[in-house]
C-alpha atoms as a PDB file:
ATOM      1  CA  MET A   1      -2.052   7.478 -12.760  1.00  0.00           C
ATOM      2  CA  LEU A   2       0.161   4.359 -12.858  1.00  0.00           C
ATOM      3  CA  HIS A   3      -0.174   2.187 -15.958  1.00  0.00           C
ATOM      4  CA  GLU A   4      -1.161  -1.412 -15.241  1.00  0.00           C
ATOM      5  CA  ASN A   5       2.172  -2.595 -16.648  1.00  0.00           C
ATOM      6  CA  PRO A   6       4.796   0.147 -16.279  1.00  0.00           C
ATOM      7  CA  LEU A   7       8.281  -0.393 -17.700  1.00  0.00           C
ATOM      8  CA  MET A   8      10.988  -0.393 -15.015  1.00  0.00           C
ATOM      9  CA  THR A   9      14.464  -0.773 -16.512  1.00  0.00           C
ATOM     10  CA  ASN A  10      17.949   0.756 -16.282  1.00  0.00           C
ATOM     11  CA  ILE A  11      17.466   1.725 -12.642  1.00  0.00           C
ATOM     12  CA  ASP A  12      20.566   2.833 -10.770  1.00  0.00           C
ATOM     13  CA  VAL A  13      20.609   0.916  -7.488  1.00  0.00           C
ATOM     14  CA  ASP A  14      22.088   3.711  -5.374  1.00  0.00           C
ATOM     15  CA  ASN A  15      19.753   6.397  -6.727  1.00  0.00           C
ATOM     16  CA  TRP A  16      16.734   4.139  -6.252  1.00  0.00           C
ATOM     17  CA  ARG A  17      17.670   3.047  -2.728  1.00  0.00           C
ATOM     18  CA  ASN A  18      18.398   6.591  -1.593  1.00  0.00           C
ATOM     19  CA  LEU A  19      15.121   7.871  -3.002  1.00  0.00           C
ATOM     20  CA  GLN A  20      13.157   5.163  -1.196  1.00  0.00           C
ATOM     21  CA  GLN A  21      14.882   5.970   2.090  1.00  0.00           C
ATOM     22  CA  LEU A  22      14.005   9.625   1.636  1.00  0.00           C
ATOM     23  CA  VAL A  23      10.347   9.500   0.612  1.00  0.00           C
ATOM     24  CA  LEU A  24       9.056   6.129   1.829  1.00  0.00           C
ATOM     25  CA  GLU A  25       8.408   4.938   5.348  1.00  0.00           C
ATOM     26  CA  SER A  26       8.267   1.170   5.781  1.00  0.00           C
ATOM     27  CA  SER A  27       6.485  -0.580   8.624  1.00  0.00           C
ATOM     28  CA  ARG A  28       9.176  -3.262   8.419  1.00  0.00           C
ATOM     29  CA  GLU A  29      11.750  -0.718   9.553  1.00  0.00           C
ATOM     30  CA  LYS A  30       9.741   0.187  12.644  1.00  0.00           C
ATOM     31  CA  ARG A  31       9.930  -1.483  16.027  1.00  0.00           C
ATOM     32  CA  ARG A  32       6.586  -3.205  16.379  1.00  0.00           C
ATOM     33  CA  ILE A  33       4.843  -5.694  18.593  1.00  0.00           C
ATOM     34  CA  ILE A  34       2.641  -8.167  16.747  1.00  0.00           C
ATOM     35  CA  VAL A  35      -0.220  -9.959  18.414  1.00  0.00           C
ATOM     36  CA  ILE A  36      -2.109 -12.603  16.451  1.00  0.00           C
ATOM     37  CA  HIS A  37      -5.240 -14.080  17.955  1.00  0.00           C
ATOM     38  CA  GLU A  38      -8.174 -16.249  16.993  1.00  0.00           C
ATOM     39  CA  ARG A  39     -11.510 -15.498  18.647  1.00  0.00           C
ATOM     40  CA  GLY A  40      -9.582 -13.645  21.349  1.00  0.00           C
ATOM     41  CA  GLU A  41      -7.144 -16.436  22.137  1.00  0.00           C
ATOM     42  CA  ILE A  42      -3.592 -15.214  21.595  1.00  0.00           C
ATOM     43  CA  ILE A  43      -1.525 -17.501  19.394  1.00  0.00           C
ATOM     44  CA  LYS A  44       1.451 -15.204  18.750  1.00  0.00           C
ATOM     45  CA  PHE A  45       2.907 -12.331  20.798  1.00  0.00           C
ATOM     46  CA  VAL A  46       6.298 -11.124  19.486  1.00  0.00           C
ATOM     47  CA  HIS A  47       8.514  -8.079  19.000  1.00  0.00           C
ATOM     48  CA  SER A  48       9.888  -7.483  15.496  1.00  0.00           C
ATOM     49  CA  GLN A  49      13.399  -7.038  16.916  1.00  0.00           C
ATOM     50  CA  LYS A  50      12.993  -9.804  19.472  1.00  0.00           C
ATOM     51  CA  ASN A  51      13.063  -7.295  22.296  1.00  0.00           C
ATOM     52  CA  GLU A  52      11.684  -8.233  25.675  1.00  0.00           C
ATOM     53  CA  ILE A  53       7.952  -7.513  25.953  1.00  0.00           C
ATOM     54  CA  THR A  54       5.871  -6.575  28.955  1.00  0.00           C
ATOM     55  CA  LYS A  55       2.831  -8.809  28.534  1.00  0.00           C
ATOM     56  CA  SER A  56       0.007  -7.495  30.684  1.00  0.00           C
ATOM     57  CA  VAL A  57      -2.776  -9.048  28.599  1.00  0.00           C
ATOM     58  CA  ASP A  58      -3.507 -12.699  27.979  1.00  0.00           C
ATOM     59  CA  ARG A  59      -6.608 -12.371  25.815  1.00  0.00           C
ATOM     60  CA  VAL A  60      -8.012 -10.023  23.164  1.00  0.00           C
ATOM     61  CA  ASN A  61     -11.565  -8.950  23.936  1.00  0.00           C
ATOM     62  CA  ASP A  62     -11.256  -5.404  22.586  1.00  0.00           C
ATOM     63  CA  ALA A  63      -8.468  -5.143  20.016  1.00  0.00           C
ATOM     64  CA  ALA A  64      -8.195  -1.352  20.144  1.00  0.00           C
ATOM     65  CA  LYS A  65      -7.883  -1.253  23.941  1.00  0.00           C
ATOM     66  CA  VAL A  66      -5.444  -4.161  23.947  1.00  0.00           C
ATOM     67  CA  ALA A  67      -3.225  -2.494  21.319  1.00  0.00           C
ATOM     68  CA  GLU A  68      -3.156   0.748  23.297  1.00  0.00           C
ATOM     69  CA  GLN A  69      -2.369  -1.037  26.557  1.00  0.00           C
ATOM     70  CA  ILE A  70       0.455  -3.067  25.039  1.00  0.00           C
ATOM     71  CA  TYR A  71       1.918   0.069  23.475  1.00  0.00           C
ATOM     72  CA  ASN A  72       1.790   1.991  26.765  1.00  0.00           C
ATOM     73  CA  ASP A  73       3.458  -0.937  28.536  1.00  0.00           C
ATOM     74  CA  ASN A  74       6.264  -1.065  25.963  1.00  0.00           C
ATOM     75  CA  PHE A  75       6.470   2.454  24.468  1.00  0.00           C
ATOM     76  CA  ALA A  76      10.208   2.780  25.218  1.00  0.00           C
ATOM     77  CA  ASN A  77      11.137   0.173  22.605  1.00  0.00           C
ATOM     78  CA  THR A  78       8.085   0.112  20.339  1.00  0.00           C
ATOM     79  CA  ASP A  79       6.881   2.332  17.482  1.00  0.00           C
ATOM     80  CA  PHE A  80       3.481   0.712  17.103  1.00  0.00           C
ATOM     81  CA  VAL A  81       1.471  -2.354  18.075  1.00  0.00           C
ATOM     82  CA  LEU A  82      -0.376  -4.549  15.581  1.00  0.00           C
ATOM     83  CA  VAL A  83      -3.232  -6.724  16.839  1.00  0.00           C
ATOM     84  CA  ILE A  84      -4.825  -8.959  14.230  1.00  0.00           C
ATOM     85  CA  ASP A  85      -7.453 -11.656  14.134  1.00  0.00           C
ATOM     86  CA  ARG A  86      -6.138 -14.500  11.967  1.00  0.00           C
ATOM     87  CA  ARG A  87      -9.501 -14.938  10.259  1.00  0.00           C
ATOM     88  CA  SER A  88      -9.702 -11.230   9.413  1.00  0.00           C
ATOM     89  CA  VAL A  89      -6.265 -11.305   7.791  1.00  0.00           C
ATOM     90  CA  GLU A  90      -7.193 -14.303   5.671  1.00  0.00           C
ATOM     91  CA  ASP A  91     -10.412 -12.599   4.615  1.00  0.00           C
ATOM     92  CA  PHE A  92      -8.560  -9.345   3.853  1.00  0.00           C
ATOM     93  CA  PHE A  93      -6.016 -10.964   1.535  1.00  0.00           C
ATOM     94  CA  ALA A  94      -8.666 -13.045  -0.208  1.00  0.00           C
ATOM     95  CA  LYS A  95     -10.781  -9.935  -0.785  1.00  0.00           C
ATOM     96  CA  VAL A  96      -7.852  -7.896  -2.089  1.00  0.00           C
ATOM     97  CA  GLN A  97      -6.577 -10.616  -4.402  1.00  0.00           C
ATOM     98  CA  ASN A  98     -10.017 -11.306  -5.819  1.00  0.00           C
ATOM     99  CA  SER A  99     -10.533  -7.611  -6.565  1.00  0.00           C
ATOM    100  CA  TRP A 100      -7.550  -7.395  -8.920  1.00  0.00           C
ATOM    101  CA  LYS A 101      -8.321  -6.535 -12.546  1.00  0.00           C
ATOM    102  CA  ALA A 102      -5.675  -7.012 -15.205  1.00  0.00           C
ATOM    103  CA  ASP A 103      -6.464  -3.801 -17.066  1.00  0.00           C
ATOM    104  CA  GLU A 104      -6.794  -1.379 -14.140  1.00  0.00           C
ATOM    105  CA  ASP A 105      -4.135   1.123 -13.071  1.00  0.00           C
ATOM    106  CA  LEU A 106      -1.664  -0.449 -10.674  1.00  0.00           C
ATOM    107  CA  ASP A 107      -1.981   2.387  -8.157  1.00  0.00           C
ATOM    108  CA  VAL A 108      -5.766   2.005  -8.114  1.00  0.00           C
ATOM    109  CA  TYR A 109      -5.309  -1.577  -6.963  1.00  0.00           C
ATOM    110  CA  VAL A 110      -2.725  -0.667  -4.320  1.00  0.00           C
ATOM    111  CA  HIS A 111      -4.832   2.240  -3.064  1.00  0.00           C
ATOM    112  CA  ARG A 112      -7.847  -0.048  -2.770  1.00  0.00           C
ATOM    113  CA  MET A 113      -5.756  -2.596  -0.899  1.00  0.00           C
ATOM    114  CA  PHE A 114      -4.814  -0.124   1.825  1.00  0.00           C
ATOM    115  CA  ALA A 115      -8.299   1.394   1.924  1.00  0.00           C
ATOM    116  CA  SER A 116      -9.716  -2.098   2.509  1.00  0.00           C
ATOM    117  CA  LEU A 117      -7.944  -2.209   5.871  1.00  0.00           C
ATOM    118  CA  ASP A 118     -10.662   0.157   7.110  1.00  0.00           C
ATOM    119  CA  ASP A 119     -13.151  -2.689   6.620  1.00  0.00           C
ATOM    120  CA  TYR A 120     -11.593  -4.537   9.581  1.00  0.00           C
ATOM    121  CA  PRO A 121     -11.730  -2.056  12.497  1.00  0.00           C
ATOM    122  CA  GLU A 122     -11.765  -4.900  15.035  1.00  0.00           C
ATOM    123  CA  GLY A 123      -9.775  -7.505  13.120  1.00  0.00           C
ATOM    124  CA  ILE A 124      -6.715  -5.507  11.936  1.00  0.00           C
ATOM    125  CA  VAL A 125      -5.798  -2.869  14.515  1.00  0.00           C
ATOM    126  CA  THR A 126      -2.710  -0.742  15.150  1.00  0.00           C
ATOM    127  CA  PHE A 127      -1.821   1.757  17.852  1.00  0.00           C
ATOM    128  CA  PRO A 128      -0.965   4.567  17.658  1.00  0.00           C
ATOM    129  CA  GLY A 129      -2.621   5.392  14.348  1.00  0.00           C
ATOM    130  CA  SER A 130      -4.714   3.319  12.004  1.00  0.00           C
ATOM    131  CA  ALA A 131      -3.666   0.177  10.156  1.00  0.00           C
ATOM    132  CA  ARG A 132      -4.213   1.969   6.868  1.00  0.00           C
ATOM    133  CA  ASN A 133      -1.629   4.605   7.816  1.00  0.00           C
ATOM    134  CA  ASN A 134       0.867   2.306   9.524  1.00  0.00           C
ATOM    135  CA  LEU A 135       1.212  -0.853   7.482  1.00  0.00           C
ATOM    136  CA  GLY A 136       3.142  -1.416   4.266  1.00  0.00           C
ATOM    137  CA  LEU A 137       4.924   1.507   2.612  1.00  0.00           C
ATOM    138  CA  GLN A 138       3.783   5.033   3.388  1.00  0.00           C
ATOM    139  CA  TRP A 139       5.130   8.041   1.515  1.00  0.00           C
ATOM    140  CA  ARG A 140       6.356  11.190   3.264  1.00  0.00           C
ATOM    141  CA  LEU A 141       5.138  13.597   0.593  1.00  0.00           C
ATOM    142  CA  GLY A 142       2.470  15.202   2.754  1.00  0.00           C
ATOM    143  CA  ALA A 143      -0.118  14.896  -0.010  1.00  0.00           C
ATOM    144  CA  LYS A 144      -3.046  12.569  -0.460  1.00  0.00           C
ATOM    145  CA  TYR A 145      -3.133  10.066  -3.281  1.00  0.00           C
ATOM    146  CA  GLU A 146      -6.122  11.890  -4.803  1.00  0.00           C
ATOM    147  CA  ASP A 147      -4.237  15.218  -4.747  1.00  0.00           C
ATOM    148  CA  ILE A 148      -1.248  13.800  -6.599  1.00  0.00           C
ATOM    149  CA  ASP A 149      -3.491  12.120  -9.141  1.00  0.00           C
ATOM    150  CA  GLU A 150      -5.297  15.422  -9.754  1.00  0.00           C
ATOM    151  CA  ALA A 151      -2.025  17.356 -10.014  1.00  0.00           C
ATOM    152  CA  ILE A 152      -0.755  14.992 -12.716  1.00  0.00           C
ATOM    153  CA  LYS A 153      -3.960  15.395 -14.704  1.00  0.00           C
ATOM    154  CA  ARG A 154      -3.809  19.200 -14.431  1.00  0.00           C
ATOM    155  CA  PHE A 155      -0.135  19.970 -14.805  1.00  0.00           C
ATOM    156  CA  ILE A 156       1.748  17.190 -16.611  1.00  0.00           C
ATOM    157  CA  PRO A 157       1.548  17.182 -20.432  1.00  0.00           C
ATOM    158  CA  ALA A 158       0.747  13.914 -22.145  1.00  0.00           C
ATOM    159  CA  GLU A 159       3.626  11.963 -23.709  1.00  0.00           C
ATOM    160  CA  SER A 160       6.279  13.713 -21.668  1.00  0.00           C
ATOM    161  CA  SER A 161       8.756  12.971 -18.886  1.00  0.00           C
ATOM    162  CA  LEU A 162       9.244  14.308 -15.387  1.00  0.00           C
ATOM    163  CA  ILE A 163      12.582  14.156 -13.578  1.00  0.00           C
ATOM    164  CA  PHE A 164      13.550  14.685  -9.940  1.00  0.00           C
ATOM    165  CA  GLY A 165      17.184  15.102  -8.961  1.00  0.00           C
ATOM    166  CA  ILE A 166      18.634  15.394  -5.456  1.00  0.00           C
ATOM    167  CA  PHE A 167      22.291  16.221  -4.909  1.00  0.00           C
ATOM    168  CA  ASP A 168      24.582  15.860  -1.929  1.00  0.00           C
ATOM    169  CA  ASP A 169      27.727  17.974  -2.054  1.00  0.00           C
ATOM    170  CA  ASN A 170      27.246  18.409  -5.832  1.00  0.00           C
ATOM    171  CA  VAL A 171      27.052  14.647  -6.356  1.00  0.00           C
ATOM    172  CA  LEU A 172      23.833  13.111  -7.667  1.00  0.00           C
ATOM    173  CA  TRP A 173      22.376  11.278  -4.647  1.00  0.00           C
ATOM    174  CA  ALA A 174      18.896  10.268  -5.820  1.00  0.00           C
ATOM    175  CA  SER A 175      16.824  10.637  -8.958  1.00  0.00           C
ATOM    176  CA  LEU A 176      13.561   9.577 -10.488  1.00  0.00           C
ATOM    177  CA  VAL A 177      12.393   9.699 -14.095  1.00  0.00           C
ATOM    178  CA  LEU A 178       8.698   9.179 -14.829  1.00  0.00           C
ATOM    179  CA  GLY A 179       7.330   8.819 -18.337  1.00  0.00           C
ATOM    180  CA  PHE A 180       3.699   9.620 -19.158  1.00  0.00           C
ATOM    181  CA  ASN A 181       1.772   8.189 -22.080  1.00  0.00           C
ATOM    182  CA  ALA A 182      -1.000   9.818 -24.136  1.00  0.00           C
ATOM    183  CA  ASP A 183      -3.484   9.167 -21.314  1.00  0.00           C
ATOM    184  CA  LYS A 184      -1.157  10.771 -18.747  1.00  0.00           C
ATOM    185  CA  LYS A 185      -0.525   7.424 -17.109  1.00  0.00           C
ATOM    186  CA  ILE A 186       2.946   6.603 -15.836  1.00  0.00           C
ATOM    187  CA  ASN A 187       4.242   3.923 -18.175  1.00  0.00           C
ATOM    188  CA  ASN A 188       7.960   4.278 -17.513  1.00  0.00           C
ATOM    189  CA  ILE A 189       9.774   4.401 -14.164  1.00  0.00           C
ATOM    190  CA  THR A 190      13.534   4.685 -13.944  1.00  0.00           C
ATOM    191  CA  THR A 191      16.392   6.794 -12.595  1.00  0.00           C
ATOM    192  CA  ALA A 192      19.152   8.823 -14.153  1.00  0.00           C
ATOM    193  CA  ASP A 193      22.182   6.779 -15.165  1.00  0.00           C
ATOM    194  CA  PRO A 194      25.270   8.348 -13.539  1.00  0.00           C
ATOM    195  CA  SER A 195      27.540   6.464 -15.947  1.00  0.00           C
ATOM    196  CA  GLU A 196      26.006   8.390 -18.843  1.00  0.00           C
ATOM    197  CA  LEU A 197      26.169  11.822 -17.202  1.00  0.00           C
ATOM    198  CA  ASP A 198      28.916  14.414 -16.953  1.00  0.00           C
ATOM    199  CA  GLN A 199      28.984  15.034 -13.201  1.00  0.00           C
ATOM    200  CA  SER A 200      31.406  17.946 -13.228  1.00  0.00           C
ATOM    201  CA  GLY A 201      30.303  21.371 -12.036  1.00  0.00           C
ATOM    202  CA  ASN A 202      27.770  22.323  -9.387  1.00  0.00           C
ATOM    203  CA  TRP A 203      24.368  20.674  -9.004  1.00  0.00           C
ATOM    204  CA  LYS A 204      22.574  23.312 -11.099  1.00  0.00           C
ATOM    205  CA  VAL A 205      24.922  22.745 -14.039  1.00  0.00           C
ATOM    206  CA  GLN A 206      24.479  19.004 -13.709  1.00  0.00           C
ATOM    207  CA  SER A 207      20.684  19.431 -13.563  1.00  0.00           C
ATOM    208  CA  LYS A 208      20.655  21.024 -16.994  1.00  0.00           C
ATOM    209  CA  ARG A 209      22.671  18.115 -18.364  1.00  0.00           C
ATOM    210  CA  MET A 210      20.185  15.688 -16.833  1.00  0.00           C
ATOM    211  CA  ILE A 211      17.348  17.398 -18.684  1.00  0.00           C
ATOM    212  CA  GLU A 212      19.279  17.080 -21.959  1.00  0.00           C
ATOM    213  CA  TRP A 213      19.930  13.417 -21.157  1.00  0.00           C
ATOM    214  CA  VAL A 214      16.220  12.753 -20.571  1.00  0.00           C
ATOM    215  CA  ASN A 215      15.305  14.474 -23.835  1.00  0.00           C
ATOM    216  CA  LYS A 216      17.641  12.163 -25.753  1.00  0.00           C
ATOM    217  CA  LYS A 217      16.467   8.900 -24.175  1.00  0.00           C
ATOM    218  CA  TYR A 218      12.819   9.418 -23.251  1.00  0.00           C
ATOM    219  CA  PRO A 219       9.822  11.572 -24.181  1.00  0.00           C
ATOM    220  CA  LYS A 220      10.675  15.264 -23.857  1.00  0.00           C
ATOM    221  CA  CYS A 221      11.096  16.477 -20.281  1.00  0.00           C
ATOM    222  CA  SER A 222       8.160  18.707 -19.320  1.00  0.00           C
ATOM    223  CA  VAL A 223       9.035  19.170 -15.644  1.00  0.00           C
ATOM    224  CA  GLY A 224      12.375  19.013 -13.866  1.00  0.00           C
ATOM    225  CA  ILE A 225      12.731  19.534 -10.122  1.00  0.00           C
ATOM    226  CA  PHE A 226      16.194  19.633  -8.567  1.00  0.00           C
ATOM    227  CA  THR A 227      17.534  20.475  -5.129  1.00  0.00           C
ATOM    228  CA  THR A 228      20.035  19.333  -2.513  1.00  0.00           C
ATOM    229  CA  LEU A 229      19.589  16.636   0.098  1.00  0.00           C
ATOM    230  CA  LYS A 230      19.507  19.192   2.901  1.00  0.00           C
ATOM    231  CA  GLU A 231      16.650  21.151   1.336  1.00  0.00           C
ATOM    232  CA  ALA A 232      14.792  17.977   0.316  1.00  0.00           C
ATOM    233  CA  ARG A 233      14.777  16.751   3.909  1.00  0.00           C
ATOM    234  CA  GLN A 234      13.555  20.118   5.166  1.00  0.00           C
ATOM    235  CA  ILE A 235      10.707  20.135   2.639  1.00  0.00           C
ATOM    236  CA  LEU A 236       9.575  16.641   3.594  1.00  0.00           C
ATOM    237  CA  LYS A 237       9.573  17.514   7.303  1.00  0.00           C
ATOM    238  CA  SER A 238       7.747  20.812   6.827  1.00  0.00           C
ATOM    239  CA  ASP A 239       4.046  21.193   7.589  1.00  0.00           C
ATOM    240  CA  ASP A 240       3.799  23.804   4.824  1.00  0.00           C
ATOM    241  CA  LYS A 241       5.732  22.200   1.995  1.00  0.00           C
ATOM    242  CA  LEU A 242       4.523  24.521  -0.772  1.00  0.00           C
ATOM    243  CA  LYS A 243       5.612  27.605   1.167  1.00  0.00           C
ATOM    244  CA  LEU A 244       9.075  26.159   1.702  1.00  0.00           C
ATOM    245  CA  ILE A 245       9.350  25.045  -1.938  1.00  0.00           C
ATOM    246  CA  LEU A 246       8.558  28.580  -3.108  1.00  0.00           C
ATOM    247  CA  GLN A 247      11.036  30.021  -0.605  1.00  0.00           C
ATOM    248  CA  PHE A 248      13.836  27.693  -1.695  1.00  0.00           C
ATOM    249  CA  LYS A 249      13.133  28.413  -5.352  1.00  0.00           C
ATOM    250  CA  LYS A 250      13.354  32.146  -4.696  1.00  0.00           C
ATOM    251  CA  GLU A 251      16.603  31.657  -2.794  1.00  0.00           C
ATOM    252  CA  GLY A 252      18.079  29.541  -5.587  1.00  0.00           C
ATOM    253  CA  LYS A 253      18.123  26.391  -3.458  1.00  0.00           C
ATOM    254  CA  LEU A 254      15.598  24.610  -5.667  1.00  0.00           C
ATOM    255  CA  LEU A 255      15.474  24.561  -9.454  1.00  0.00           C
ATOM    256  CA  VAL A 256      12.274  23.972 -11.412  1.00  0.00           C
ATOM    257  CA  GLU A 257      13.193  23.656 -15.081  1.00  0.00           C
ATOM    258  CA  PRO A 258      11.568  23.134 -17.488  1.00  0.00           C
ATOM    259  CA  ILE A 259       8.127  24.077 -16.308  1.00  0.00           C
ATOM    260  CA  PRO A 260       4.770  23.823 -18.169  1.00  0.00           C
ATOM    261  CA  GLU A 261       2.997  27.114 -18.813  1.00  0.00           C
ATOM    262  CA  VAL A 262       0.086  26.000 -16.636  1.00  0.00           C
ATOM    263  CA  LEU A 263       2.447  25.824 -13.651  1.00  0.00           C
ATOM    264  CA  ILE A 264       4.164  29.177 -14.150  1.00  0.00           C
ATOM    265  CA  PRO A 265       1.592  31.165 -12.096  1.00  0.00           C
ATOM    266  CA  PHE A 266       2.333  28.938  -9.085  1.00  0.00           C
ATOM    267  CA  PHE A 267       6.052  29.725  -9.193  1.00  0.00           C
END
């Protein structure tokens, strides 16, 4: 899905930052208690925001139980607890780094990295939830990695571009342009450039100009998805995202243009 060496240039800082805030959830932004131990002996016990901690454990014999207990003792100022065995972390990073292959898709490597956390059920533990679903960057798309990969293979034409645009009060707030090569791998990642766009008119008028802009600078746009910040947030929070997407499209609150013929039956 993601080329091993994708081109990332001409990215608008505001568009990129806003998009990340909308669709990505970072463990670094969460209030977390970190416990590092070696053979059960605790060598570090801290809060990410230096908040006061209720410490009712002085040794790690069962990491899962310890993580749950610490969380329950401190739930008012903590989003999750991370309990790690120093040796397990060292082994994890060595394993992940040694598995890297220069010619493999970048997302395959990243996906394997997070999946490898499952190999340390006693050594890398979080509560509530699993380490695989808590640590690093997690997206809020409500779709599995495998589902997105399959959707790209089915619906995105080779050697084309896809653009997302999100507007706030008819001002472009976030955007993403993805370019796909002949193998349908993402080889170009960027945003729209507001300095090159006519931002007059409502968001639907501006969306059409964005498509024209993409067609001039990158491979022809095969899919364009545009909406407002309000609707985007509702979609991401919804348990039935497809239903809401179809509803917003019908109500004129979401624009899908252009659209490949293979996708027309879904809309």
